[in-house]
Amino acid sequence: MKIFRGNDELNPTKFIRPVVTIGNFDGCHLGHQEIFKRVKTHASDIGGTSIVYTFDPHPASVVLYNHDVKLVFTLEEKIEAIKAMGMDTLIITPFTREFADTSPEAFVRDIIADRIGAKGVVVGHDFSFGKGDKGNFMLLRRMAKDLGFFVEKVDEVICDGILVSSSRIRNIIQLGDVGLARRLMAYPYRLPGEVIHGESRGHSLGYPTANIRPSKTLIPAQGVYAAYTHIERQRMPGVVNIGDNPTFGDGDLSIEVHIFDLDKDIYGKNITVEFIDRLRAEVKFPDSSSLIKQIEADCKRAKEILRKDQR
């Protein structure tokens, strides 16, 4: 997949009969995947190039003046997901306040038509663009007639009775339903981070944990999860606890991973937690022995879930 960063290098001579989709594509969920499929189909039909045009950072973080958008994907994850979908080209445009002031008409004319030379544009059902989000599918279709490209709007995707959207998935993850989020994306939510020193309480309980300093702000709800952890190209099963350790009154939120059968020191390493399913909410136990008994039950159930997941 060829990647362009910004619009300066774009010109129609670099693309063969391009078919383009435009959006943020946070999470590259089932709805996005349907859009990518349509782009690839159209590009294949005309012997052209499939192109994804996206933005970094997320427009809301700029338009809403540094608003913390709790994204599903890092930019690196988005790039890998789009590449995995088999798209030919990815254009990542720096989203600045100056760019935010671009009118919808100027965006279509100057970038989609003149710089890319689009032969077709495919967008989602809720597509909006340009200054103040004043651009929509109707404007795009009207301009397409004069500029010589076709347009298609892809209908919404419903899964488990839910209209799939990035914002809905973010909310679902924050509520802790990582299993549902996985179904809406067709892959698990991942949380990368650095392993840091914690209270070392897990060692004394017989279940050593790695404490993580996450590199995302989108954190699942407090509770215990069945998960895999990626360490140096290994994918290892385990359980994750997110919470403030009420049994011991710690107070501060921590993310602790117990990796089954891990026999090496991973302090300081960057790892990625892959959430599969939520086991339970965080609970305050009367004593350490009660907590240990529950951890044993959590580990047993997590192993069963992860064993089934591998089938």
C-alpha atoms as a PDB file:
ATOM      1  CA  MET A   1       0.000   0.000   0.000  1.00  0.00           C
ATOM      2  CA  LYS A   2       1.376   3.388  -1.011  1.00  0.00           C
ATOM      3  CA  ILE A   3       1.084   6.141   1.610  1.00  0.00           C
ATOM      4  CA  PHE A   4       0.990   9.886   0.980  1.00  0.00           C
ATOM      5  CA  ARG A   5       1.195  12.326   3.884  1.00  0.00           C
ATOM      6  CA  GLY A   6      -0.494  15.589   2.974  1.00  0.00           C
ATOM      7  CA  ASN A   7      -1.814  16.985  -0.270  1.00  0.00           C
ATOM      8  CA  ASP A   8       1.301  18.631  -1.693  1.00  0.00           C
ATOM      9  CA  GLU A   9       2.555  15.545  -3.536  1.00  0.00           C
ATOM     10  CA  LEU A  10      -0.829  14.668  -4.998  1.00  0.00           C
ATOM     11  CA  ASN A  11      -1.543  14.993  -8.700  1.00  0.00           C
ATOM     12  CA  PRO A  12      -3.685  12.953 -11.084  1.00  0.00           C
ATOM     13  CA  THR A  13      -0.671  11.494 -12.902  1.00  0.00           C
ATOM     14  CA  LYS A  14       0.144   9.407  -9.799  1.00  0.00           C
ATOM     15  CA  PHE A  15      -3.164   7.521  -9.794  1.00  0.00           C
ATOM     16  CA  ILE A  16      -4.781   5.286 -12.395  1.00  0.00           C
ATOM     17  CA  ARG A  17      -8.558   5.866 -12.529  1.00  0.00           C
ATOM     18  CA  PRO A  18      -8.794   6.432  -8.751  1.00  0.00           C
ATOM     19  CA  VAL A  19     -11.853   5.541  -6.699  1.00  0.00           C
ATOM     20  CA  VAL A  20     -11.758   7.338  -3.349  1.00  0.00           C
ATOM     21  CA  THR A  21     -13.398   7.126   0.039  1.00  0.00           C
ATOM     22  CA  ILE A  22     -13.098   9.930   2.579  1.00  0.00           C
ATOM     23  CA  GLY A  23     -13.394   9.752   6.355  1.00  0.00           C
ATOM     24  CA  ASN A  24     -11.793   9.333   9.771  1.00  0.00           C
ATOM     25  CA  PHE A  25     -12.248   5.535   9.845  1.00  0.00           C
ATOM     26  CA  ASP A  26     -11.516   5.226  13.561  1.00  0.00           C
ATOM     27  CA  GLY A  27     -11.620   1.526  14.390  1.00  0.00           C
ATOM     28  CA  CYS A  28     -12.147   0.483  10.756  1.00  0.00           C
ATOM     29  CA  HIS A  29     -15.368  -1.219  11.876  1.00  0.00           C
ATOM     30  CA  LEU A  30     -17.868  -3.276   9.873  1.00  0.00           C
ATOM     31  CA  GLY A  31     -19.384  -0.170   8.304  1.00  0.00           C
ATOM     32  CA  HIS A  32     -15.986   1.074   7.165  1.00  0.00           C
ATOM     33  CA  GLN A  33     -15.106  -2.370   5.893  1.00  0.00           C
ATOM     34  CA  GLU A  34     -18.214  -2.369   3.697  1.00  0.00           C
ATOM     35  CA  ILE A  35     -17.159   1.002   2.261  1.00  0.00           C
ATOM     36  CA  PHE A  36     -13.658  -0.299   1.517  1.00  0.00           C
ATOM     37  CA  LYS A  37     -15.136  -3.328  -0.247  1.00  0.00           C
ATOM     38  CA  ARG A  38     -17.263  -1.098  -2.470  1.00  0.00           C
ATOM     39  CA  VAL A  39     -14.255   1.090  -3.316  1.00  0.00           C
ATOM     40  CA  LYS A  40     -12.205  -1.960  -4.267  1.00  0.00           C
ATOM     41  CA  THR A  41     -15.037  -3.361  -6.368  1.00  0.00           C
ATOM     42  CA  HIS A  42     -15.472  -0.129  -8.303  1.00  0.00           C
ATOM     43  CA  ALA A  43     -11.719   0.256  -8.773  1.00  0.00           C
ATOM     44  CA  SER A  44     -11.463  -3.327 -10.035  1.00  0.00           C
ATOM     45  CA  ASP A  45     -14.353  -2.791 -12.453  1.00  0.00           C
ATOM     46  CA  ILE A  46     -12.620   0.150 -14.147  1.00  0.00           C
ATOM     47  CA  GLY A  47      -9.044  -1.078 -13.766  1.00  0.00           C
ATOM     48  CA  GLY A  48      -8.332   1.665 -11.281  1.00  0.00           C
ATOM     49  CA  THR A  49      -6.765   2.434  -7.912  1.00  0.00           C
ATOM     50  CA  SER A  50      -8.538   2.165  -4.538  1.00  0.00           C
ATOM     51  CA  ILE A  51      -7.769   5.151  -2.317  1.00  0.00           C
ATOM     52  CA  VAL A  52      -8.542   6.006   1.309  1.00  0.00           C
ATOM     53  CA  TYR A  53      -8.355   9.700   2.206  1.00  0.00           C
ATOM     54  CA  THR A  54      -8.176  10.286   5.960  1.00  0.00           C
ATOM     55  CA  PHE A  55      -7.010  12.807   8.544  1.00  0.00           C
ATOM     56  CA  ASP A  56      -4.578  13.100  11.444  1.00  0.00           C
ATOM     57  CA  PRO A  57      -5.258  14.161  14.120  1.00  0.00           C
ATOM     58  CA  HIS A  58      -8.966  13.477  14.413  1.00  0.00           C
ATOM     59  CA  PRO A  59     -10.850  16.619  13.260  1.00  0.00           C
ATOM     60  CA  ALA A  60     -12.802  16.888  16.529  1.00  0.00           C
ATOM     61  CA  SER A  61      -9.570  17.391  18.461  1.00  0.00           C
ATOM     62  CA  VAL A  62      -8.891  20.481  16.349  1.00  0.00           C
ATOM     63  CA  VAL A  63     -12.361  21.889  15.729  1.00  0.00           C
ATOM     64  CA  LEU A  64     -13.304  21.486  19.398  1.00  0.00           C
ATOM     65  CA  TYR A  65      -9.998  23.028  20.520  1.00  0.00           C
ATOM     66  CA  ASN A  66      -7.917  20.106  21.781  1.00  0.00           C
ATOM     67  CA  HIS A  67     -10.933  18.086  22.889  1.00  0.00           C
ATOM     68  CA  ASP A  68      -9.761  14.650  24.035  1.00  0.00           C
ATOM     69  CA  VAL A  69     -11.227  12.273  21.465  1.00  0.00           C
ATOM     70  CA  LYS A  70     -10.820   8.821  22.982  1.00  0.00           C
ATOM     71  CA  LEU A  71      -9.919   7.024  19.766  1.00  0.00           C
ATOM     72  CA  VAL A  72     -10.214   3.300  19.104  1.00  0.00           C
ATOM     73  CA  PHE A  73      -7.108   3.362  16.899  1.00  0.00           C
ATOM     74  CA  THR A  74      -3.707   4.932  17.001  1.00  0.00           C
ATOM     75  CA  LEU A  75      -2.626   6.218  13.597  1.00  0.00           C
ATOM     76  CA  GLU A  76      -0.341   3.191  13.251  1.00  0.00           C
ATOM     77  CA  GLU A  77      -3.250   0.821  13.918  1.00  0.00           C
ATOM     78  CA  LYS A  78      -5.401   2.602  11.355  1.00  0.00           C
ATOM     79  CA  ILE A  79      -2.676   2.318   8.738  1.00  0.00           C
ATOM     80  CA  GLU A  80      -2.273  -1.416   9.399  1.00  0.00           C
ATOM     81  CA  ALA A  81      -6.038  -2.046   9.307  1.00  0.00           C
ATOM     82  CA  ILE A  82      -6.492  -0.225   6.003  1.00  0.00           C
ATOM     83  CA  LYS A  83      -3.518  -2.059   4.559  1.00  0.00           C
ATOM     84  CA  ALA A  84      -5.026  -5.368   5.711  1.00  0.00           C
ATOM     85  CA  MET A  85      -8.225  -4.474   3.845  1.00  0.00           C
ATOM     86  CA  GLY A  86      -6.221  -4.517   0.619  1.00  0.00           C
ATOM     87  CA  MET A  87      -6.496  -0.840  -0.280  1.00  0.00           C
ATOM     88  CA  ASP A  88      -3.968   0.407  -2.843  1.00  0.00           C
ATOM     89  CA  THR A  89      -3.284   3.896  -1.524  1.00  0.00           C
ATOM     90  CA  LEU A  90      -3.697   5.800   1.742  1.00  0.00           C
ATOM     91  CA  ILE A  91      -3.602   9.600   1.901  1.00  0.00           C
ATOM     92  CA  ILE A  92      -3.159  11.008   5.422  1.00  0.00           C
ATOM     93  CA  THR A  93      -3.835  14.738   5.564  1.00  0.00           C
ATOM     94  CA  PRO A  94      -2.700  16.791   8.579  1.00  0.00           C
ATOM     95  CA  PHE A  95      -5.902  18.284   9.972  1.00  0.00           C
ATOM     96  CA  THR A  96      -5.175  21.850  11.032  1.00  0.00           C
ATOM     97  CA  ARG A  97      -7.445  24.768  11.869  1.00  0.00           C
ATOM     98  CA  GLU A  98      -6.575  26.241   8.498  1.00  0.00           C
ATOM     99  CA  PHE A  99      -7.625  23.019   6.760  1.00  0.00           C
ATOM    100  CA  ALA A 100     -10.813  22.976   8.844  1.00  0.00           C
ATOM    101  CA  ASP A 101     -11.796  26.265   7.188  1.00  0.00           C
ATOM    102  CA  THR A 102     -11.811  24.681   3.713  1.00  0.00           C
ATOM    103  CA  SER A 103     -15.257  24.964   2.170  1.00  0.00           C
ATOM    104  CA  PRO A 104     -16.933  21.753   0.961  1.00  0.00           C
ATOM    105  CA  GLU A 105     -16.894  23.028  -2.617  1.00  0.00           C
ATOM    106  CA  ALA A 106     -13.175  23.839  -2.500  1.00  0.00           C
ATOM    107  CA  PHE A 107     -12.362  20.459  -0.996  1.00  0.00           C
ATOM    108  CA  VAL A 108     -14.194  18.563  -3.746  1.00  0.00           C
ATOM    109  CA  ARG A 109     -12.903  20.722  -6.576  1.00  0.00           C
ATOM    110  CA  ASP A 110      -9.296  21.307  -5.481  1.00  0.00           C
ATOM    111  CA  ILE A 111      -8.441  18.000  -3.828  1.00  0.00           C
ATOM    112  CA  ILE A 112     -10.807  15.233  -4.937  1.00  0.00           C
ATOM    113  CA  ALA A 113     -11.081  16.375  -8.554  1.00  0.00           C
ATOM    114  CA  ASP A 114      -7.914  18.375  -9.329  1.00  0.00           C
ATOM    115  CA  ARG A 115      -5.242  16.798  -7.116  1.00  0.00           C
ATOM    116  CA  ILE A 116      -6.475  13.188  -7.085  1.00  0.00           C
ATOM    117  CA  GLY A 117      -8.429  13.109 -10.325  1.00  0.00           C
ATOM    118  CA  ALA A 118     -11.115  10.863  -8.854  1.00  0.00           C
ATOM    119  CA  LYS A 119     -13.249   8.785 -11.192  1.00  0.00           C
ATOM    120  CA  GLY A 120     -15.480   7.746  -8.323  1.00  0.00           C
ATOM    121  CA  VAL A 121     -16.163   8.573  -4.671  1.00  0.00           C
ATOM    122  CA  VAL A 122     -17.734   6.196  -2.129  1.00  0.00           C
ATOM    123  CA  VAL A 123     -18.895   7.500   1.251  1.00  0.00           C
ATOM    124  CA  GLY A 124     -20.812   6.308   4.297  1.00  0.00           C
ATOM    125  CA  HIS A 125     -24.451   6.968   5.113  1.00  0.00           C
ATOM    126  CA  ASP A 126     -23.624   9.793   7.560  1.00  0.00           C
ATOM    127  CA  PHE A 127     -20.904  11.450   5.495  1.00  0.00           C
ATOM    128  CA  SER A 128     -20.279  15.173   6.047  1.00  0.00           C
ATOM    129  CA  PHE A 129     -17.267  17.320   5.227  1.00  0.00           C
ATOM    130  CA  GLY A 130     -15.860  20.804   4.820  1.00  0.00           C
ATOM    131  CA  LYS A 131     -16.084  23.879   7.016  1.00  0.00           C
ATOM    132  CA  GLY A 132     -18.776  23.458   9.639  1.00  0.00           C
ATOM    133  CA  ASP A 133     -19.600  20.002   8.238  1.00  0.00           C
ATOM    134  CA  LYS A 134     -21.772  21.778   5.675  1.00  0.00           C
ATOM    135  CA  GLY A 135     -20.846  19.375   2.889  1.00  0.00           C
ATOM    136  CA  ASN A 136     -22.999  16.284   2.452  1.00  0.00           C
ATOM    137  CA  PHE A 137     -23.777  13.557  -0.058  1.00  0.00           C
ATOM    138  CA  MET A 138     -26.242  15.711  -1.989  1.00  0.00           C
ATOM    139  CA  LEU A 139     -23.622  18.429  -2.562  1.00  0.00           C
ATOM    140  CA  LEU A 140     -21.051  15.810  -3.510  1.00  0.00           C
ATOM    141  CA  ARG A 141     -23.413  14.213  -6.030  1.00  0.00           C
ATOM    142  CA  ARG A 142     -24.308  17.595  -7.517  1.00  0.00           C
ATOM    143  CA  MET A 143     -20.649  18.561  -7.994  1.00  0.00           C
ATOM    144  CA  ALA A 144     -19.769  15.109  -9.338  1.00  0.00           C
ATOM    145  CA  LYS A 145     -21.905  15.697 -12.435  1.00  0.00           C
ATOM    146  CA  ASP A 146     -19.855  18.766 -13.395  1.00  0.00           C
ATOM    147  CA  LEU A 147     -16.484  17.329 -12.384  1.00  0.00           C
ATOM    148  CA  GLY A 148     -16.892  13.968 -14.108  1.00  0.00           C
ATOM    149  CA  PHE A 149     -16.896  11.323 -11.382  1.00  0.00           C
ATOM    150  CA  PHE A 150     -19.536   8.970 -10.005  1.00  0.00           C
ATOM    151  CA  VAL A 151     -20.592   8.788  -6.368  1.00  0.00           C
ATOM    152  CA  GLU A 152     -22.079   6.081  -4.147  1.00  0.00           C
ATOM    153  CA  LYS A 153     -23.449   6.208  -0.620  1.00  0.00           C
ATOM    154  CA  VAL A 154     -23.118   2.968   1.371  1.00  0.00           C
ATOM    155  CA  ASP A 155     -26.015   2.169   3.695  1.00  0.00           C
ATOM    156  CA  GLU A 156     -25.554   1.816   7.434  1.00  0.00           C
ATOM    157  CA  VAL A 157     -24.486  -1.560   8.796  1.00  0.00           C
ATOM    158  CA  ILE A 158     -26.487  -3.145  11.626  1.00  0.00           C
ATOM    159  CA  CYS A 159     -24.896  -5.789  13.867  1.00  0.00           C
ATOM    160  CA  ASP A 160     -26.543  -7.323  16.944  1.00  0.00           C
ATOM    161  CA  GLY A 161     -29.345  -4.804  16.425  1.00  0.00           C
ATOM    162  CA  ILE A 162     -26.883  -1.903  16.714  1.00  0.00           C
ATOM    163  CA  LEU A 163     -26.089   0.697  14.081  1.00  0.00           C
ATOM    164  CA  VAL A 164     -22.319   0.384  13.794  1.00  0.00           C
ATOM    165  CA  SER A 165     -20.380   3.623  14.282  1.00  0.00           C
ATOM    166  CA  SER A 166     -17.049   4.676  15.753  1.00  0.00           C
ATOM    167  CA  SER A 167     -18.683   6.755  18.484  1.00  0.00           C
ATOM    168  CA  ARG A 168     -20.940   3.858  19.480  1.00  0.00           C
ATOM    169  CA  ILE A 169     -17.960   1.510  19.669  1.00  0.00           C
ATOM    170  CA  ARG A 170     -16.050   3.975  21.855  1.00  0.00           C
ATOM    171  CA  ASN A 171     -18.980   4.103  24.264  1.00  0.00           C
ATOM    172  CA  ILE A 172     -19.300   0.317  24.296  1.00  0.00           C
ATOM    173  CA  ILE A 173     -15.605  -0.092  25.115  1.00  0.00           C
ATOM    174  CA  GLN A 174     -15.862   2.457  27.930  1.00  0.00           C
ATOM    175  CA  LEU A 175     -18.790   0.450  29.313  1.00  0.00           C
ATOM    176  CA  GLY A 176     -16.610  -2.664  29.303  1.00  0.00           C
ATOM    177  CA  ASP A 177     -18.469  -4.712  26.688  1.00  0.00           C
ATOM    178  CA  VAL A 178     -15.330  -5.573  24.754  1.00  0.00           C
ATOM    179  CA  GLY A 179     -16.979  -8.711  23.347  1.00  0.00           C
ATOM    180  CA  LEU A 180     -19.633  -6.628  21.612  1.00  0.00           C
ATOM    181  CA  ALA A 181     -17.044  -4.109  20.426  1.00  0.00           C
ATOM    182  CA  ARG A 182     -15.138  -6.994  18.897  1.00  0.00           C
ATOM    183  CA  ARG A 183     -18.193  -8.122  16.948  1.00  0.00           C
ATOM    184  CA  LEU A 184     -18.792  -4.608  15.628  1.00  0.00           C
ATOM    185  CA  MET A 185     -15.196  -4.342  14.443  1.00  0.00           C
ATOM    186  CA  ALA A 186     -14.514  -8.016  13.575  1.00  0.00           C
ATOM    187  CA  TYR A 187     -11.381  -7.937  15.738  1.00  0.00           C
ATOM    188  CA  PRO A 188     -10.575  -7.193  19.403  1.00  0.00           C
ATOM    189  CA  TYR A 189      -9.904  -3.800  20.916  1.00  0.00           C
ATOM    190  CA  ARG A 190      -6.194  -3.388  21.623  1.00  0.00           C
ATOM    191  CA  LEU A 191      -4.519  -1.284  24.270  1.00  0.00           C
ATOM    192  CA  PRO A 192      -0.755  -0.736  23.904  1.00  0.00           C
ATOM    193  CA  GLY A 193       1.425   0.504  26.713  1.00  0.00           C
ATOM    194  CA  GLU A 194       4.672   0.320  28.636  1.00  0.00           C
ATOM    195  CA  VAL A 195       5.168  -2.073  31.544  1.00  0.00           C
ATOM    196  CA  ILE A 196       5.956  -0.088  34.684  1.00  0.00           C
ATOM    197  CA  HIS A 197       6.626  -0.935  38.316  1.00  0.00           C
ATOM    198  CA  GLY A 198       3.543  -1.266  40.514  1.00  0.00           C
ATOM    199  CA  GLU A 199       2.894  -2.345  44.081  1.00  0.00           C
ATOM    200  CA  SER A 200       4.133  -5.928  43.367  1.00  0.00           C
ATOM    201  CA  ARG A 201       1.113  -7.152  45.289  1.00  0.00           C
ATOM    202  CA  GLY A 202       0.346  -9.786  42.651  1.00  0.00           C
ATOM    203  CA  HIS A 203       3.567 -11.619  43.466  1.00  0.00           C
ATOM    204  CA  SER A 204       2.592 -11.964  47.114  1.00  0.00           C
ATOM    205  CA  LEU A 205      -0.823 -13.312  46.081  1.00  0.00           C
ATOM    206  CA  GLY A 206       0.742 -15.883  43.776  1.00  0.00           C
ATOM    207  CA  TYR A 207      -0.433 -14.139  40.594  1.00  0.00           C
ATOM    208  CA  PRO A 208       2.271 -11.727  39.402  1.00  0.00           C
ATOM    209  CA  THR A 209       1.036  -8.903  37.206  1.00  0.00           C
ATOM    210  CA  ALA A 210       2.509  -6.422  34.768  1.00  0.00           C
ATOM    211  CA  ASN A 211       1.306  -2.873  35.351  1.00  0.00           C
ATOM    212  CA  ILE A 212       0.753  -0.907  32.151  1.00  0.00           C
ATOM    213  CA  ARG A 213       1.038   2.779  31.398  1.00  0.00           C
ATOM    214  CA  PRO A 214      -1.378   2.932  28.421  1.00  0.00           C
ATOM    215  CA  SER A 215      -0.639   4.956  25.313  1.00  0.00           C
ATOM    216  CA  LYS A 216      -4.370   5.456  24.596  1.00  0.00           C
ATOM    217  CA  THR A 217      -6.986   7.318  26.609  1.00  0.00           C
ATOM    218  CA  LEU A 218      -9.803   4.943  25.637  1.00  0.00           C
ATOM    219  CA  ILE A 219      -9.824   2.545  28.610  1.00  0.00           C
ATOM    220  CA  PRO A 220     -12.435  -0.203  29.134  1.00  0.00           C
ATOM    221  CA  ALA A 221     -14.583   0.007  32.263  1.00  0.00           C
ATOM    222  CA  GLN A 222     -13.208  -1.191  35.572  1.00  0.00           C
ATOM    223  CA  GLY A 223     -13.370  -4.948  35.846  1.00  0.00           C
ATOM    224  CA  VAL A 224     -11.645  -8.210  34.952  1.00  0.00           C
ATOM    225  CA  TYR A 225     -11.154  -9.368  31.370  1.00  0.00           C
ATOM    226  CA  ALA A 226      -9.977 -12.410  29.442  1.00  0.00           C
ATOM    227  CA  ALA A 227      -7.248 -11.144  27.143  1.00  0.00           C
ATOM    228  CA  TYR A 228      -4.175 -11.889  25.104  1.00  0.00           C
ATOM    229  CA  THR A 229      -0.978  -9.939  25.530  1.00  0.00           C
ATOM    230  CA  HIS A 230       1.425  -9.344  22.659  1.00  0.00           C
ATOM    231  CA  ILE A 231       5.052  -9.360  23.792  1.00  0.00           C
ATOM    232  CA  GLU A 232       7.876  -9.362  21.256  1.00  0.00           C
ATOM    233  CA  ARG A 233       5.765 -11.079  18.576  1.00  0.00           C
ATOM    234  CA  GLN A 234       4.340 -13.595  21.053  1.00  0.00           C
ATOM    235  CA  ARG A 235       0.593 -13.704  21.763  1.00  0.00           C
ATOM    236  CA  MET A 236       0.109 -14.955  25.305  1.00  0.00           C
ATOM    237  CA  PRO A 237      -3.190 -15.653  27.139  1.00  0.00           C
ATOM    238  CA  GLY A 238      -4.044 -14.124  30.488  1.00  0.00           C
ATOM    239  CA  VAL A 239      -6.380 -11.911  32.501  1.00  0.00           C
ATOM    240  CA  VAL A 240      -6.488  -8.143  32.927  1.00  0.00           C
ATOM    241  CA  ASN A 241      -7.724  -6.178  35.922  1.00  0.00           C
ATOM    242  CA  ILE A 242      -8.652  -2.538  35.465  1.00  0.00           C
ATOM    243  CA  GLY A 243      -9.503  -0.695  38.649  1.00  0.00           C
ATOM    244  CA  ASP A 244      -8.350   0.913  41.848  1.00  0.00           C
ATOM    245  CA  ASN A 245      -7.824  -2.259  43.911  1.00  0.00           C
ATOM    246  CA  PRO A 246     -10.644  -1.590  46.414  1.00  0.00           C
ATOM    247  CA  THR A 247      -9.672  -4.577  48.567  1.00  0.00           C
ATOM    248  CA  PHE A 248      -6.439  -2.767  49.453  1.00  0.00           C
ATOM    249  CA  GLY A 249      -7.759   0.797  49.189  1.00  0.00           C
ATOM    250  CA  ASP A 250      -5.199   1.954  46.630  1.00  0.00           C
ATOM    251  CA  GLY A 251      -7.448   4.596  45.068  1.00  0.00           C
ATOM    252  CA  ASP A 252      -5.524   5.136  41.813  1.00  0.00           C
ATOM    253  CA  LEU A 253      -6.636   3.466  38.584  1.00  0.00           C
ATOM    254  CA  SER A 254      -4.300   0.730  37.412  1.00  0.00           C
ATOM    255  CA  ILE A 255      -4.200  -1.714  34.520  1.00  0.00           C
ATOM    256  CA  GLU A 256      -2.671  -5.009  35.599  1.00  0.00           C
ATOM    257  CA  VAL A 257      -2.080  -8.007  33.341  1.00  0.00           C
ATOM    258  CA  HIS A 258      -1.511 -11.517  34.646  1.00  0.00           C
ATOM    259  CA  ILE A 259      -0.006 -13.533  31.794  1.00  0.00           C
ATOM    260  CA  PHE A 260      -0.340 -17.291  32.115  1.00  0.00           C
ATOM    261  CA  ASP A 261       2.995 -19.144  32.316  1.00  0.00           C
ATOM    262  CA  LEU A 262       5.140 -16.042  31.807  1.00  0.00           C
ATOM    263  CA  ASP A 263       8.650 -16.731  33.110  1.00  0.00           C
ATOM    264  CA  LYS A 264      10.611 -13.604  32.180  1.00  0.00           C
ATOM    265  CA  ASP A 265      11.020 -10.000  33.292  1.00  0.00           C
ATOM    266  CA  ILE A 266       9.161  -7.575  31.010  1.00  0.00           C
ATOM    267  CA  TYR A 267       9.581  -4.311  32.935  1.00  0.00           C
ATOM    268  CA  GLY A 268      10.138  -1.402  30.572  1.00  0.00           C
ATOM    269  CA  LYS A 269       8.881  -3.297  27.541  1.00  0.00           C
ATOM    270  CA  ASN A 270       6.085  -2.130  25.272  1.00  0.00           C
ATOM    271  CA  ILE A 271       3.257  -4.627  25.117  1.00  0.00           C
ATOM    272  CA  THR A 272      -0.261  -4.687  23.696  1.00  0.00           C
ATOM    273  CA  VAL A 273      -3.328  -6.077  25.453  1.00  0.00           C
ATOM    274  CA  GLU A 274      -6.016  -7.580  23.233  1.00  0.00           C
ATOM    275  CA  PHE A 275      -9.374  -7.648  25.036  1.00  0.00           C
ATOM    276  CA  ILE A 276     -11.543 -10.704  24.299  1.00  0.00           C
ATOM    277  CA  ASP A 277     -14.341 -10.690  26.881  1.00  0.00           C
ATOM    278  CA  ARG A 278     -15.302  -9.200  30.226  1.00  0.00           C
ATOM    279  CA  LEU A 279     -15.432 -11.637  33.143  1.00  0.00           C
ATOM    280  CA  ARG A 280     -16.879  -9.452  35.887  1.00  0.00           C
ATOM    281  CA  ALA A 281     -16.942  -6.039  37.516  1.00  0.00           C
ATOM    282  CA  GLU A 282     -14.331  -5.024  40.072  1.00  0.00           C
ATOM    283  CA  VAL A 283     -15.299  -6.115  43.604  1.00  0.00           C
ATOM    284  CA  LYS A 284     -14.030  -5.306  47.083  1.00  0.00           C
ATOM    285  CA  PHE A 285     -13.217  -8.526  48.957  1.00  0.00           C
ATOM    286  CA  PRO A 286     -13.171  -8.895  52.757  1.00  0.00           C
ATOM    287  CA  ASP A 287      -9.661 -10.332  52.816  1.00  0.00           C
ATOM    288  CA  SER A 288      -6.752 -11.589  50.703  1.00  0.00           C
ATOM    289  CA  SER A 289      -7.834 -15.229  50.809  1.00  0.00           C
ATOM    290  CA  SER A 290     -11.228 -14.358  49.316  1.00  0.00           C
ATOM    291  CA  LEU A 291      -9.484 -12.355  46.599  1.00  0.00           C
ATOM    292  CA  ILE A 292      -7.121 -15.231  45.779  1.00  0.00           C
ATOM    293  CA  LYS A 293     -10.050 -17.621  45.488  1.00  0.00           C
ATOM    294  CA  GLN A 294     -11.760 -15.270  43.037  1.00  0.00           C
ATOM    295  CA  ILE A 295      -8.555 -14.805  41.014  1.00  0.00           C
ATOM    296  CA  GLU A 296      -8.329 -18.596  40.680  1.00  0.00           C
ATOM    297  CA  ALA A 297     -11.891 -18.665  39.356  1.00  0.00           C
ATOM    298  CA  ASP A 298     -11.187 -15.753  36.988  1.00  0.00           C
ATOM    299  CA  CYS A 299      -8.125 -17.480  35.552  1.00  0.00           C
ATOM    300  CA  LYS A 300     -10.019 -20.738  35.053  1.00  0.00           C
ATOM    301  CA  ARG A 301     -12.859 -19.010  33.241  1.00  0.00           C
ATOM    302  CA  ALA A 302     -10.478 -16.893  31.151  1.00  0.00           C
ATOM    303  CA  LYS A 303      -8.634 -20.012  30.004  1.00  0.00           C
ATOM    304  CA  GLU A 304     -11.926 -21.583  28.931  1.00  0.00           C
ATOM    305  CA  ILE A 305     -12.927 -18.464  26.977  1.00  0.00           C
ATOM    306  CA  LEU A 306      -9.549 -18.137  25.288  1.00  0.00           C
ATOM    307  CA  ARG A 307      -9.428 -21.845  24.483  1.00  0.00           C
ATOM    308  CA  LYS A 308     -12.777 -21.562  22.695  1.00  0.00           C
ATOM    309  CA  ASP A 309     -11.600 -18.398  20.964  1.00  0.00           C
ATOM    310  CA  GLN A 310      -8.741 -20.294  19.319  1.00  0.00           C
ATOM    311  CA  ARG A 311     -11.022 -22.886  17.718  1.00  0.00           C
END
